[in-house]
């Protein structure tokens, strides 16, 4: 025990001496240290109190700009339109009397084109209603000994492809109804026919009206161009020649008839150019079929004078009167 006591007293004395030395150090501020060269350094440190159970803050994310969504259209299936027959305004039994029926495009009408063959290159038969036929080269024209040397061209002329004065209602109108007229033209010897069969009540009476216009292009021969309309094989009289029709003037073929017992009217319109190298243009529009007791279509229009054997007839022309034999 004595040995242990001797050991404790010296340690206790040393600790007391160190305490007295710290208290007695002159000029030394709390929180500072004095070096051998007498300099003093401050040692003040901030005290940070951290509350217990304080969660570590999560970083704040900078929001990204929101993009305005764009509308994506799902492609739709485009169907080829079914052609619809266009009848005349008076609900004529005729189909496509004004040649308006077409395959409607985005901004225009389209018609199938026959690539050569019997009808020639680039021809557009009417889409519905009418059958188009031509005299084959080498064969005789209708009611004539003249033989065809070629075939004409047949196209639909839309209003948008004509000058304004040839639109419906214009001073030189080539369109009588709607926005389309049918044109047959060529400078060879040719003949062409439009035909259509219509079912009607047997014994009823009807009137066929066929407006037509020819451009003679300076041909002075009255028989260089001819036209005719027929019902069940019978013409209104016979053929109207170029001078009778008048150059660049509308005239009409008009036939009143009684429907036979079979209840069918076979209608045909024929045109022909008889001289080689002399171009002719025929325009046909607004063909109508109406009951005979109703007012005739196009009362303002002259009838195309028909030539009949042994009879001389004439029709006034804007420039002169001409004799038709």
Protein backbone atom coordinates (compact mmCIF):
# COMPACT_ATOMS: atom_id res chain seq x y z
CA UNK A 1 0.00 0.00 0.00
CA UNK A 2 2.76 2.35 0.68
CA UNK A 3 4.27 1.77 -2.61
CA UNK A 4 1.00 2.61 -4.31
CA UNK A 5 0.59 5.78 -2.28
CA UNK A 6 4.05 6.95 -3.20
CA UNK A 7 3.13 6.60 -6.84
CA UNK A 8 -0.19 8.55 -6.62
CA UNK A 9 1.18 11.70 -4.88
CA UNK A 10 3.70 12.65 -7.55
CA UNK A 11 1.06 12.34 -10.36
CA UNK A 12 -1.42 14.49 -8.48
CA UNK A 13 1.22 17.15 -7.90
CA UNK A 14 2.07 17.26 -11.59
CA UNK A 15 -1.56 17.84 -12.60
CA UNK A 16 -1.89 20.67 -10.03
CA UNK A 17 1.22 22.34 -11.33
CA UNK A 18 -0.11 22.28 -14.95
CA UNK A 19 -3.39 23.82 -13.83
CA UNK A 20 -1.69 26.67 -12.00
CA UNK A 21 0.53 27.30 -15.01
CA UNK A 22 -2.51 27.68 -17.34
CA UNK A 23 -4.26 30.11 -15.03
CA UNK A 24 -1.22 32.28 -14.45
CA UNK A 25 -0.22 32.78 -18.16
CA UNK A 26 -0.36 36.59 -18.62
CA UNK A 27 -2.13 38.26 -21.65
CA UNK A 28 -3.25 35.04 -23.23
CA UNK A 29 -6.83 35.07 -24.45
CA UNK A 30 -9.04 32.07 -24.30
CA UNK A 31 -9.01 30.26 -27.56
CA UNK A 32 -5.48 31.49 -28.53
CA UNK A 33 -2.03 29.97 -28.65
CA UNK A 34 1.33 31.66 -27.89
CA UNK A 35 4.41 30.55 -29.80
CA UNK A 36 8.11 30.81 -28.74
CA UNK A 37 8.56 34.05 -30.63
CA UNK A 38 5.75 35.64 -28.65
CA UNK A 39 3.19 35.65 -31.43
CA UNK A 40 -0.34 34.75 -30.70
CA UNK A 41 -2.84 32.99 -32.99
CA UNK A 42 -6.55 33.05 -32.55
CA UNK A 43 -8.27 29.71 -32.61
CA UNK A 44 -11.96 30.56 -32.69
CA UNK A 45 -14.02 27.95 -34.49
CA UNK A 46 -17.76 28.29 -35.28
CA UNK A 47 -20.05 26.06 -33.32
CA UNK A 48 -22.57 24.27 -35.52
CA UNK A 49 -25.60 22.81 -33.92
CA UNK A 50 -27.23 20.03 -35.94
CA UNK A 51 -30.71 19.04 -34.78
CA UNK A 52 -31.18 15.42 -34.16
CA UNK A 53 -33.04 13.35 -36.75
CA UNK A 54 -32.74 16.08 -39.39
CA UNK A 55 -33.07 14.47 -42.86
CA UNK A 56 -30.44 15.20 -45.40
CA UNK A 57 -32.01 17.63 -47.94
CA UNK A 58 -32.37 16.23 -51.42
CA UNK A 59 -31.05 18.32 -54.31
CA UNK A 60 -33.62 20.45 -56.10
CA UNK A 61 -33.96 19.43 -59.79
CA UNK A 62 -34.16 22.18 -62.36
CA UNK A 63 -37.38 21.54 -64.32
CA UNK A 64 -36.86 20.79 -68.00
CA UNK A 65 -39.00 22.69 -70.52
CA UNK A 66 -42.21 20.95 -71.53
CA UNK A 67 -42.40 20.34 -75.28
CA UNK A 68 -45.65 21.18 -77.01
CA UNK A 69 -46.87 17.94 -78.58
CA UNK A 70 -47.38 17.93 -82.33
CA UNK A 71 -50.39 16.26 -83.95
CA UNK A 72 -49.49 13.25 -86.02
CA UNK A 73 -52.18 12.31 -88.52
CA UNK A 74 -52.82 8.68 -89.14
CA UNK A 75 -52.91 8.18 -92.91
CA UNK A 76 -56.32 7.28 -94.25
CA UNK A 77 -57.09 4.96 -97.07
CA UNK A 78 -57.96 6.82 -100.26
CA UNK A 79 -60.55 5.02 -102.30
CA UNK A 80 -60.98 5.44 -106.01
CA UNK A 81 -64.34 7.20 -106.36
CA UNK A 82 -67.13 5.37 -108.08
CA UNK A 83 -68.23 7.35 -111.13
CA UNK A 84 -71.69 8.82 -110.79
CA UNK A 85 -73.85 9.44 -113.80
CA UNK A 86 -74.88 13.05 -114.24
CA UNK A 87 -78.31 13.55 -115.78
CA UNK A 88 -79.72 16.70 -117.31
CA UNK A 89 -81.46 19.13 -114.93
CA UNK A 90 -84.97 18.00 -115.98
CA UNK A 91 -84.27 14.45 -114.78
CA UNK A 92 -83.99 13.15 -118.31
CA UNK A 93 -83.98 9.35 -118.63
CA UNK A 94 -80.73 9.77 -120.53
CA UNK A 95 -77.56 9.02 -118.58
CA UNK A 96 -74.74 11.56 -118.69
CA UNK A 97 -76.48 13.81 -121.18
CA UNK A 98 -74.11 16.69 -120.51
CA UNK A 99 -70.96 14.51 -120.25
CA UNK A 100 -70.23 15.60 -116.68
CA UNK A 101 -69.68 12.09 -115.28
CA UNK A 102 -66.02 11.70 -114.37
CA UNK A 103 -63.56 10.36 -111.81
CA UNK A 104 -63.21 13.29 -109.45
CA UNK A 105 -59.62 14.24 -108.59
CA UNK A 106 -58.35 16.74 -106.03
CA UNK A 107 -58.89 19.75 -108.26
CA UNK A 108 -60.17 18.40 -111.56
CA UNK A 109 -62.04 15.62 -113.31
CA UNK A 110 -60.30 12.67 -114.92
CA UNK A 111 -61.45 10.31 -117.65
CA UNK A 112 -59.91 7.00 -118.70
CA UNK A 113 -58.00 7.31 -121.95
CA UNK A 114 -57.93 4.61 -124.59
CA UNK A 115 -54.24 4.03 -125.58
CA UNK A 116 -54.58 3.52 -129.31
CA UNK A 117 -56.44 0.71 -131.00
CA UNK A 118 -59.62 1.20 -132.95
CA UNK A 119 -60.46 4.51 -131.28
CA UNK A 120 -57.04 6.05 -131.83
CA UNK A 121 -54.47 7.51 -129.46
CA UNK A 122 -55.62 9.62 -126.54
CA UNK A 123 -59.40 9.21 -126.85
CA UNK A 124 -61.71 9.68 -123.85
CA UNK A 125 -64.98 7.78 -124.20
CA UNK A 126 -67.79 9.12 -121.98
CA UNK A 127 -67.49 7.52 -118.56
CA UNK A 128 -71.10 6.38 -118.33
CA UNK A 129 -74.19 6.18 -120.49
CA UNK A 130 -72.79 6.50 -123.97
CA UNK A 131 -71.06 4.00 -126.24
CA UNK A 132 -68.45 5.52 -128.55
CA UNK A 133 -67.76 3.92 -131.93
CA UNK A 134 -65.90 4.90 -135.08
CA UNK A 135 -65.79 3.93 -138.72
CA UNK A 136 -62.66 1.79 -139.16
CA UNK A 137 -60.14 3.19 -141.66
CA UNK A 138 -60.79 1.77 -145.13
CA UNK A 139 -64.53 1.38 -144.63
CA UNK A 140 -67.24 3.70 -145.99
CA UNK A 141 -68.59 6.51 -143.86
CA UNK A 142 -72.20 6.50 -142.74
CA UNK A 143 -74.55 6.91 -145.75
CA UNK A 144 -71.60 7.75 -148.00
CA UNK A 145 -69.22 6.18 -150.46
CA UNK A 146 -66.31 8.13 -148.95
CA UNK A 147 -63.94 5.83 -147.06
CA UNK A 148 -62.39 6.65 -143.73
CA UNK A 149 -58.65 7.29 -143.70
CA UNK A 150 -58.33 7.62 -139.93
CA UNK A 151 -60.21 8.15 -136.68
CA UNK A 152 -60.98 11.35 -134.83
CA UNK A 153 -59.91 12.38 -131.36
CA UNK A 154 -62.58 12.58 -128.65
CA UNK A 155 -62.02 14.48 -125.41
CA UNK A 156 -63.88 16.15 -122.56
CA UNK A 157 -63.24 19.89 -122.51
CA UNK A 158 -63.52 21.36 -119.03
CA UNK A 159 -64.41 24.97 -118.38
CA UNK A 160 -61.05 25.57 -116.69
CA UNK A 161 -59.32 24.68 -119.97
CA UNK A 162 -61.35 27.14 -122.04
CA UNK A 163 -61.19 30.95 -122.30
CA UNK A 164 -63.92 32.72 -120.29
CA UNK A 165 -65.92 33.72 -123.36
CA UNK A 166 -66.42 30.00 -124.11
CA UNK A 167 -67.74 29.17 -120.64
CA UNK A 168 -71.41 28.57 -119.87
CA UNK A 169 -73.29 31.79 -120.68
CA UNK A 170 -70.36 33.35 -122.56
CA UNK A 171 -70.74 35.00 -125.99
CA UNK A 172 -68.93 32.07 -127.63
CA UNK A 173 -70.05 29.42 -125.17
CA UNK A 174 -69.00 25.85 -125.91
CA UNK A 175 -70.66 24.64 -122.69
CA UNK A 176 -74.46 24.56 -122.40
CA UNK A 177 -74.77 22.78 -119.06
CA UNK A 178 -72.39 22.23 -116.16
CA UNK A 179 -68.65 22.66 -116.72
CA UNK A 180 -67.88 20.13 -119.47
CA UNK A 181 -68.51 19.79 -123.21
CA UNK A 182 -67.65 16.85 -125.47
CA UNK A 183 -65.37 17.45 -128.46
CA UNK A 184 -64.71 15.24 -131.51
CA UNK A 185 -62.11 16.51 -134.01
CA UNK A 186 -59.54 15.52 -136.61
CA UNK A 187 -58.19 16.29 -140.11
CA UNK A 188 -58.51 12.86 -141.70
CA UNK A 189 -61.65 11.39 -143.29
CA UNK A 190 -63.48 10.00 -140.29
CA UNK A 191 -66.89 9.19 -138.83
CA UNK A 192 -67.93 8.72 -135.20
CA UNK A 193 -71.07 7.81 -133.27
CA UNK A 194 -72.36 8.19 -129.71
CA UNK A 195 -75.19 5.78 -128.85
CA UNK A 196 -77.35 4.93 -125.84
CA UNK A 197 -80.42 2.79 -125.24
CA UNK A 198 -83.15 4.02 -122.88
CA UNK A 199 -86.11 2.09 -121.49
CA UNK A 200 -89.39 4.03 -121.71
CA UNK A 201 -93.10 3.19 -121.33
CA UNK A 202 -94.43 1.66 -124.58
CA UNK A 203 -96.73 4.01 -126.46
CA UNK A 204 -95.47 7.16 -124.68
CA UNK A 205 -94.26 10.15 -126.68
CA UNK A 206 -90.91 11.78 -126.15
CA UNK A 207 -88.67 14.45 -127.63
CA UNK A 208 -84.93 14.05 -128.17
CA UNK A 209 -82.87 17.25 -128.33
CA UNK A 210 -79.22 17.15 -129.46
CA UNK A 211 -77.36 20.49 -129.45
CA UNK A 212 -74.27 20.49 -131.67
CA UNK A 213 -71.71 23.01 -132.92
CA UNK A 214 -69.14 22.63 -135.70
CA UNK A 215 -65.98 24.61 -136.44
CA UNK A 216 -65.24 24.44 -140.16
CA UNK A 217 -61.78 26.06 -140.06
CA UNK A 218 -62.35 27.86 -143.35
CA UNK A 219 -63.56 24.84 -145.35
CA UNK A 220 -65.84 26.28 -148.05
CA UNK A 221 -67.36 22.97 -149.08
CA UNK A 222 -70.85 22.72 -147.51
CA UNK A 223 -70.57 18.93 -147.38
CA UNK A 224 -67.18 18.80 -145.75
CA UNK A 225 -68.81 18.25 -142.33
CA UNK A 226 -72.14 16.56 -141.50
CA UNK A 227 -74.15 15.55 -138.42
CA UNK A 228 -77.25 13.50 -137.69
CA UNK A 229 -79.42 12.29 -134.80
CA UNK A 230 -81.54 9.11 -134.82
CA UNK A 231 -84.02 7.24 -132.66
CA UNK A 232 -84.51 3.54 -133.39
CA UNK A 233 -82.70 4.00 -136.69
CA UNK A 234 -84.84 6.90 -137.94
CA UNK A 235 -83.23 10.35 -138.34
CA UNK A 236 -85.04 13.61 -137.82
CA UNK A 237 -84.82 14.00 -141.59
CA UNK A 238 -81.34 13.12 -142.82
CA UNK A 239 -77.91 14.77 -142.50
CA UNK A 240 -77.22 18.41 -141.70
CA UNK A 241 -74.16 19.71 -143.51
CA UNK A 242 -71.64 22.29 -142.38
CA UNK A 243 -73.27 25.28 -143.97
CA UNK A 244 -76.69 24.32 -142.61
CA UNK A 245 -75.33 23.94 -139.09
CA UNK A 246 -73.43 27.21 -139.34
CA UNK A 247 -69.77 27.77 -138.50
CA UNK A 248 -69.19 28.09 -134.73
CA UNK A 249 -72.91 28.30 -133.96
CA UNK A 250 -75.12 26.05 -131.87
CA UNK A 251 -77.98 24.29 -133.58
CA UNK A 252 -80.11 21.35 -132.41
CA UNK A 253 -81.29 18.07 -133.82
CA UNK A 254 -84.80 17.48 -132.52
CA UNK A 255 -86.87 14.31 -132.90
CA UNK A 256 -90.34 13.63 -131.49
CA UNK A 257 -91.19 9.92 -131.40
CA UNK A 258 -93.54 7.30 -130.00
CA UNK A 259 -91.95 4.50 -127.98
CA UNK A 260 -92.52 1.11 -129.66
CA UNK A 261 -94.01 -1.91 -127.94
CA UNK A 262 -90.62 -3.23 -126.80
CA UNK A 263 -90.28 -0.09 -124.66
CA UNK A 264 -86.81 0.90 -125.80
CA UNK A 265 -85.42 3.97 -127.55
CA UNK A 266 -82.07 3.44 -129.29
CA UNK A 267 -80.53 6.88 -129.60
CA UNK A 268 -77.52 7.77 -131.71
CA UNK A 269 -75.64 10.92 -132.69
CA UNK A 270 -73.32 10.76 -135.70
CA UNK A 271 -70.74 13.21 -137.06
CA UNK A 272 -68.26 12.96 -139.92
CA UNK A 273 -65.51 14.85 -141.71
CA UNK A 274 -65.46 14.01 -145.41
CA UNK A 275 -62.27 15.61 -146.67
CA UNK A 276 -58.67 14.65 -146.03
CA UNK A 277 -56.41 17.32 -144.53
CA UNK A 278 -59.25 19.66 -143.58
CA UNK A 279 -59.80 19.76 -139.85
CA UNK A 280 -63.28 19.83 -138.30
CA UNK A 281 -64.26 20.26 -134.65
CA UNK A 282 -67.65 19.10 -133.33
CA UNK A 283 -68.91 20.08 -129.88
CA UNK A 284 -71.88 18.26 -128.29
CA UNK A 285 -73.47 19.10 -124.94
CA UNK A 286 -76.69 18.93 -122.92
CA UNK A 287 -78.46 16.16 -124.85
CA UNK A 288 -81.93 15.73 -123.33
CA UNK A 289 -84.91 13.42 -123.55
CA UNK A 290 -88.22 14.83 -122.31
CA UNK A 291 -91.94 14.07 -122.65
CA UNK A 292 -93.30 15.45 -125.92
CA UNK A 293 -95.98 17.51 -124.17
CA UNK A 294 -93.39 19.50 -122.25
CA UNK A 295 -91.63 22.60 -123.58
CA UNK A 296 -88.80 21.83 -125.98
CA UNK A 297 -85.26 22.26 -124.67
CA UNK A 298 -83.24 25.25 -125.89
CA UNK A 299 -86.07 27.17 -127.55
CA UNK A 300 -83.59 29.93 -128.39
CA UNK A 301 -81.61 27.58 -130.62
CA UNK A 302 -82.22 27.02 -134.33
CA UNK A 303 -82.78 23.51 -135.56
CA UNK A 304 -80.05 22.02 -137.69
CA UNK A 305 -81.58 21.95 -141.18
CA UNK A 306 -81.72 18.47 -142.63
CA UNK A 307 -81.05 17.76 -146.29
CA UNK A 308 -83.70 15.71 -148.08
CA UNK A 309 -83.55 14.52 -151.70
CA UNK A 310 -85.33 16.87 -154.10
CA UNK A 311 -85.85 19.60 -151.49
CA UNK A 312 -83.79 22.75 -151.10
CA UNK A 313 -83.63 24.23 -147.62
CA UNK A 314 -81.55 26.96 -146.09
CA UNK A 315 -80.72 28.35 -142.72
CA UNK A 316 -79.67 31.86 -141.90
CA UNK A 317 -75.97 32.17 -141.03
CA UNK A 318 -74.43 35.16 -139.33
CA UNK A 319 -72.38 35.93 -142.40
CA UNK A 320 -74.69 34.85 -145.27
CA UNK A 321 -77.51 32.57 -146.39
CA UNK A 322 -76.43 29.32 -147.96
CA UNK A 323 -78.32 26.76 -149.98
CA UNK A 324 -78.47 23.16 -148.76
CA UNK A 325 -79.25 20.53 -151.39
